[in-house]
Amino acid sequence: MKQLLELFKKEVRVVQPTKTTNELIDEIHETFYTEVDRLLAEAGVTFSLETNKQELIDKCERLKKLGFTNSKEVAEAQTEISRLRQLEKENTAKQDLIEAIKHFSFEYPDYKFITEESVKKICEKYNLVYGEIGRYIGNVPEENLTHMEQFSIKKEDECFIEERRSSWSTEKKYINQKDYERGIKPTSSDYRMVSMSSSYYHYEKAPLEIAAPLKDFNMTASEVKDFKISKIEIPDPVVLKPVMYNRNKYYLIVTAWGKEAEDELVKNK
């Protein structure tokens, strides 16, 4: 009898209630809109740069001057130096992020801020992908079309694309407005092609991007990396505007549809 009871306990599984489509859409939208709060809290915690190996580091410099570049003490000191430099780099990145959040929250209080790394993590969690709106093949509700038409940012916050093309490779990077105009005469067009030696530089304003299920994208001549796509398909696009601050690319959330998130989630506090 006791064995039967133990077997019965092993067979019992707690079944979690399945979320409805609207509940899942609400969760995705809220995750996007509230990510800035998590980023700000995380960025506020900096790493200590104190070390209990300062004497070893000082000795390391003396040893290297004499030519002991591969001694055990030098190797140990270099490991600690590398660790401290990495922490310092991460602290600087946190401070840059705080400054960017403050800037965009002040300039555009109606739009939530988010980083590209966060967009990737949310897409991975909810089986979404993101890309330029030119690849989007789904429907666009009238209300959200109006949101996008009314959206605007200052010229100095715009994000631009610099694409270097040659006969053997293509390299793309995101640049700010100053780098966009540096060395190139401003024109009325957002599209410029400049020839330099054997390479061509293509410049244009970065288009809006959108996070949505894979089925809502034209994937011709393209592929998805880093994201595991499941059979769950949720019609909940989130439109993102690339922006630049201190030569770093971020996003402002322009609009989202499916089942709209509550107004208080959209507003920066």
Protein backbone atom coordinates (compact mmCIF):
# COMPACT_ATOMS: atom_id res chain seq x y z
CA MET A 1 0.00 0.00 0.00
CA LYS A 2 2.81 2.37 0.94
CA GLN A 3 4.55 1.66 -2.37
CA LEU A 4 1.33 2.45 -4.26
CA LEU A 5 1.00 5.79 -2.44
CA GLU A 6 4.60 6.72 -3.27
CA LEU A 7 4.02 5.79 -6.90
CA PHE A 8 0.84 7.89 -6.96
CA LYS A 9 2.73 10.91 -5.57
CA LYS A 10 5.35 10.60 -8.31
CA GLU A 11 2.67 10.52 -10.99
CA VAL A 12 0.88 13.64 -9.72
CA ARG A 13 1.96 16.74 -11.65
CA VAL A 14 0.95 20.33 -10.91
CA VAL A 15 -0.59 21.66 -14.11
CA GLN A 16 -0.06 25.39 -14.60
CA PRO A 17 -3.07 27.20 -16.08
CA THR A 18 -2.57 28.09 -19.74
CA LYS A 19 -2.51 31.83 -20.43
CA THR A 20 -4.92 33.23 -22.97
CA THR A 21 -3.58 35.04 -26.03
CA ASN A 22 -4.62 38.42 -24.60
CA GLU A 23 -2.95 37.66 -21.26
CA LEU A 24 0.29 36.72 -23.02
CA ILE A 25 0.17 39.82 -25.22
CA ASP A 26 -0.34 42.00 -22.13
CA GLU A 27 2.63 40.31 -20.49
CA ILE A 28 4.87 40.88 -23.53
CA HIS A 29 3.89 44.56 -23.84
CA GLU A 30 4.37 45.17 -20.12
CA THR A 31 7.78 43.48 -20.27
CA PHE A 32 8.85 45.87 -23.04
CA TYR A 33 7.42 48.95 -21.33
CA THR A 34 8.82 48.24 -17.86
CA GLU A 35 12.26 47.06 -18.95
CA VAL A 36 13.64 50.59 -18.49
CA ASP A 37 12.93 50.37 -14.74
CA ARG A 38 14.94 47.14 -14.47
CA LEU A 39 17.78 48.64 -16.53
CA LEU A 40 17.94 51.73 -14.33
CA ALA A 41 17.98 49.69 -11.12
CA GLU A 42 20.67 47.38 -12.47
CA ALA A 43 22.82 50.25 -13.76
CA GLY A 44 22.70 51.91 -10.34
CA VAL A 45 24.69 49.05 -8.80
CA THR A 46 28.34 49.58 -9.70
CA PHE A 47 31.23 47.19 -9.09
CA SER A 48 33.89 47.88 -6.46
CA LEU A 49 37.35 48.53 -7.90
CA GLU A 50 39.12 47.83 -4.63
CA THR A 51 41.71 45.06 -4.66
CA ASN A 52 43.69 43.18 -2.04
CA LYS A 53 46.48 42.60 -4.55
CA GLN A 54 47.75 46.16 -4.97
CA GLU A 55 51.20 45.28 -3.61
CA LEU A 56 51.45 42.45 -6.14
CA ILE A 57 50.41 44.81 -8.93
CA ASP A 58 53.08 47.34 -7.89
CA LYS A 59 55.69 44.56 -7.77
CA CYS A 60 54.57 43.39 -11.20
CA GLU A 61 55.56 46.73 -12.75
CA ARG A 62 59.01 46.53 -11.15
CA LEU A 63 59.50 42.95 -12.37
CA LYS A 64 58.45 43.84 -15.93
CA LYS A 65 60.94 46.70 -16.05
CA LEU A 66 63.71 44.20 -15.35
CA GLY A 67 62.42 41.79 -17.98
CA PHE A 68 60.45 39.29 -15.86
CA THR A 69 57.49 39.33 -18.23
CA ASN A 70 56.41 35.71 -17.70
CA SER A 71 57.00 35.09 -14.02
CA LYS A 72 54.25 33.59 -11.83
CA GLU A 73 53.79 36.86 -9.91
CA VAL A 74 53.48 38.89 -13.12
CA ALA A 75 50.90 36.47 -14.54
CA GLU A 76 48.84 36.63 -11.34
CA ALA A 77 49.03 40.42 -11.27
CA GLN A 78 48.02 40.70 -14.92
CA THR A 79 44.95 38.53 -14.24
CA GLU A 80 43.90 40.90 -11.45
CA ILE A 81 44.60 43.96 -13.61
CA SER A 82 42.43 42.52 -16.39
CA ARG A 83 39.62 41.85 -13.91
CA LEU A 84 39.73 45.42 -12.60
CA ARG A 85 39.79 46.87 -16.12
CA GLN A 86 36.74 44.82 -17.08
CA LEU A 87 34.86 46.00 -13.98
CA GLU A 88 35.84 49.59 -14.75
CA LYS A 89 34.59 49.16 -18.31
CA GLU A 90 31.27 47.79 -17.06
CA ASN A 91 30.92 50.65 -14.57
CA THR A 92 31.47 53.14 -17.39
CA ALA A 93 28.84 51.37 -19.49
CA LYS A 94 26.39 51.54 -16.57
CA GLN A 95 26.99 55.27 -16.19
CA ASP A 96 26.53 55.80 -19.94
CA LEU A 97 23.24 53.87 -19.74
CA ILE A 98 21.98 55.98 -16.82
CA GLU A 99 22.79 59.17 -18.73
CA ALA A 100 20.99 57.86 -21.84
CA ILE A 101 17.90 56.87 -19.82
CA LYS A 102 17.78 60.30 -18.16
CA HIS A 103 18.19 62.05 -21.51
CA PHE A 104 15.46 60.18 -23.38
CA SER A 105 13.08 60.09 -20.40
CA PHE A 106 13.34 63.88 -20.14
CA GLU A 107 13.17 64.63 -23.87
CA TYR A 108 10.45 62.08 -24.71
CA PRO A 109 8.39 61.39 -21.56
CA ASP A 110 5.61 59.67 -23.55
CA TYR A 111 7.90 56.95 -24.90
CA LYS A 112 9.65 54.18 -23.03
CA PHE A 113 13.39 53.58 -23.43
CA ILE A 114 14.93 50.17 -24.06
CA THR A 115 18.31 48.78 -25.11
CA GLU A 116 18.93 46.45 -28.02
CA GLU A 117 20.27 43.80 -25.66
CA SER A 118 16.96 43.90 -23.77
CA VAL A 119 15.02 43.63 -27.04
CA LYS A 120 16.99 40.48 -27.87
CA LYS A 121 16.32 38.94 -24.45
CA ILE A 122 12.59 39.66 -24.62
CA CYS A 123 12.38 38.28 -28.16
CA GLU A 124 14.16 35.13 -27.04
CA LYS A 125 11.83 34.73 -24.04
CA TYR A 126 8.62 35.11 -26.06
CA ASN A 127 9.72 33.50 -29.34
CA LEU A 128 9.73 36.74 -31.33
CA VAL A 129 12.18 38.26 -33.80
CA TYR A 130 12.84 41.88 -34.68
CA GLY A 131 13.90 43.71 -37.83
CA GLU A 132 13.28 46.71 -40.07
CA ILE A 133 9.63 47.50 -40.79
CA GLY A 134 10.26 47.08 -44.53
CA ARG A 135 10.23 43.31 -43.92
CA TYR A 136 6.97 43.34 -41.93
CA ILE A 137 4.07 41.74 -43.83
CA GLY A 138 1.36 41.83 -41.15
CA ASN A 139 -1.50 44.29 -40.70
CA VAL A 140 -1.13 47.75 -39.14
CA PRO A 141 -4.17 49.02 -37.15
CA GLU A 142 -5.27 52.60 -37.85
CA GLU A 143 -4.66 53.71 -34.26
CA ASN A 144 -1.06 52.49 -34.31
CA LEU A 145 -0.45 54.00 -37.74
CA THR A 146 -1.45 57.35 -36.24
CA HIS A 147 0.96 56.77 -33.33
CA MET A 148 3.82 56.29 -35.77
CA GLU A 149 2.84 59.29 -37.92
CA GLN A 150 2.79 61.54 -34.86
CA PHE A 151 6.11 60.25 -33.48
CA SER A 152 9.14 62.54 -33.90
CA ILE A 153 12.50 63.13 -32.24
CA LYS A 154 15.18 65.80 -32.39
CA LYS A 155 17.71 65.66 -35.20
CA GLU A 156 20.64 65.15 -32.81
CA ASP A 157 19.02 62.00 -31.41
CA GLU A 158 18.52 60.38 -34.81
CA CYS A 159 20.24 57.09 -35.61
CA PHE A 160 21.88 56.63 -39.02
CA ILE A 161 23.33 53.66 -40.86
CA GLU A 162 26.78 53.71 -42.43
CA GLU A 163 27.27 50.78 -44.79
CA ARG A 164 30.70 50.22 -46.32
CA ARG A 165 30.56 48.15 -49.49
CA SER A 166 33.48 46.73 -51.43
CA SER A 167 33.94 43.93 -53.94
CA TRP A 168 34.72 41.46 -51.13
CA SER A 169 32.63 42.52 -48.12
CA THR A 170 29.87 44.67 -46.67
CA GLU A 171 30.13 46.24 -43.22
CA LYS A 172 27.31 48.07 -41.46
CA LYS A 173 27.36 50.17 -38.31
CA TYR A 174 25.08 52.68 -36.60
CA ILE A 175 26.26 56.28 -36.23
CA ASN A 176 24.95 59.55 -34.82
CA GLN A 177 23.98 62.70 -36.69
CA LYS A 178 27.42 64.35 -36.30
CA ASP A 179 29.24 61.34 -37.75
CA TYR A 180 26.64 61.17 -40.50
CA GLU A 181 27.42 64.70 -41.64
CA ARG A 182 31.15 64.66 -40.96
CA GLY A 183 33.06 65.10 -44.19
CA ILE A 184 29.89 64.93 -46.29
CA LYS A 185 28.00 67.97 -47.54
CA PRO A 186 24.47 67.90 -46.10
CA THR A 187 21.76 67.39 -48.70
CA SER A 188 17.98 67.33 -48.54
CA SER A 189 18.04 63.56 -48.94
CA ASP A 190 18.51 60.98 -46.19
CA TYR A 191 20.22 58.73 -48.73
CA ARG A 192 23.81 59.35 -49.87
CA MET A 193 26.34 57.27 -51.74
CA VAL A 194 29.99 58.28 -51.49
CA SER A 195 32.84 56.63 -53.37
CA MET A 196 36.18 56.34 -51.57
CA SER A 197 38.97 54.35 -53.24
CA SER A 198 37.66 50.82 -53.89
CA SER A 199 34.84 51.12 -51.36
CA TYR A 200 31.42 52.71 -51.43
CA TYR A 201 29.76 54.19 -48.36
CA HIS A 202 26.00 54.15 -48.22
CA TYR A 203 24.41 56.48 -45.65
CA GLU A 204 20.76 56.61 -44.61
CA LYS A 205 18.51 57.28 -41.63
CA ALA A 206 17.85 54.09 -39.69
CA PRO A 207 14.25 52.97 -40.32
CA LEU A 208 11.77 51.95 -37.65
CA GLU A 209 12.13 48.39 -36.43
CA ILE A 210 9.47 45.99 -35.20
CA ALA A 211 9.38 42.97 -32.89
CA ALA A 212 6.82 40.36 -33.95
CA PRO A 213 6.40 36.64 -34.68
CA LEU A 214 8.58 35.25 -37.44
CA LYS A 215 5.50 34.58 -39.61
CA ASP A 216 4.96 38.36 -39.91
CA PHE A 217 8.29 38.95 -41.69
CA ASN A 218 9.40 38.53 -45.28
CA MET A 219 12.46 36.33 -44.78
CA THR A 220 13.62 36.32 -48.41
CA ALA A 221 17.44 36.25 -48.56
CA SER A 222 17.72 36.53 -44.78
CA GLU A 223 18.04 34.36 -41.67
CA VAL A 224 17.40 34.52 -37.93
CA LYS A 225 20.25 34.02 -35.48
CA ASP A 226 20.31 33.66 -31.69
CA PHE A 227 16.56 33.18 -31.26
CA LYS A 228 14.78 29.86 -30.88
CA ILE A 229 11.40 30.05 -32.59
CA SER A 230 8.52 27.86 -31.39
CA LYS A 231 5.13 27.12 -32.92
CA ILE A 232 3.42 29.68 -30.64
CA GLU A 233 2.35 32.65 -32.75
CA ILE A 234 1.18 35.79 -30.92
CA PRO A 235 -0.02 38.79 -33.01
CA ASP A 236 1.58 41.48 -30.86
CA PRO A 237 4.00 43.71 -32.82
CA VAL A 238 6.05 46.28 -30.90
CA VAL A 239 7.44 49.16 -33.01
CA LEU A 240 10.90 50.45 -32.08
CA LYS A 241 12.63 53.68 -33.09
CA PRO A 242 16.45 53.47 -33.20
CA VAL A 243 18.07 56.44 -31.41
CA MET A 244 21.66 57.44 -30.66
CA TYR A 245 23.25 58.88 -27.51
CA ASN A 246 27.01 59.29 -27.05
CA ARG A 247 27.50 57.08 -30.12
CA ASN A 248 25.50 54.23 -28.60
CA LYS A 249 22.37 52.82 -30.23
CA TYR A 250 19.20 52.49 -28.16
CA TYR A 251 15.46 52.35 -28.84
CA LEU A 252 12.30 54.26 -27.99
CA ILE A 253 9.10 52.20 -28.03
CA VAL A 254 6.77 53.93 -30.51
CA THR A 255 3.64 51.78 -30.29
CA ALA A 256 2.39 48.23 -29.82
CA TRP A 257 -0.74 46.42 -30.85
CA GLY A 258 -2.63 43.25 -30.33
CA LYS A 259 -4.32 44.11 -27.05
CA GLU A 260 -2.99 47.52 -26.05
CA ALA A 261 -1.07 47.91 -22.81
CA GLU A 262 -2.56 50.19 -20.16
CA ASP A 263 -1.76 53.91 -20.43
CA GLU A 264 0.23 54.00 -17.17
CA LEU A 265 2.61 51.43 -18.60
CA VAL A 266 3.34 53.65 -21.58
CA LYS A 267 4.15 56.77 -19.58
CA ASN A 268 7.57 57.39 -18.05
CA LYS A 269 7.31 58.30 -14.41
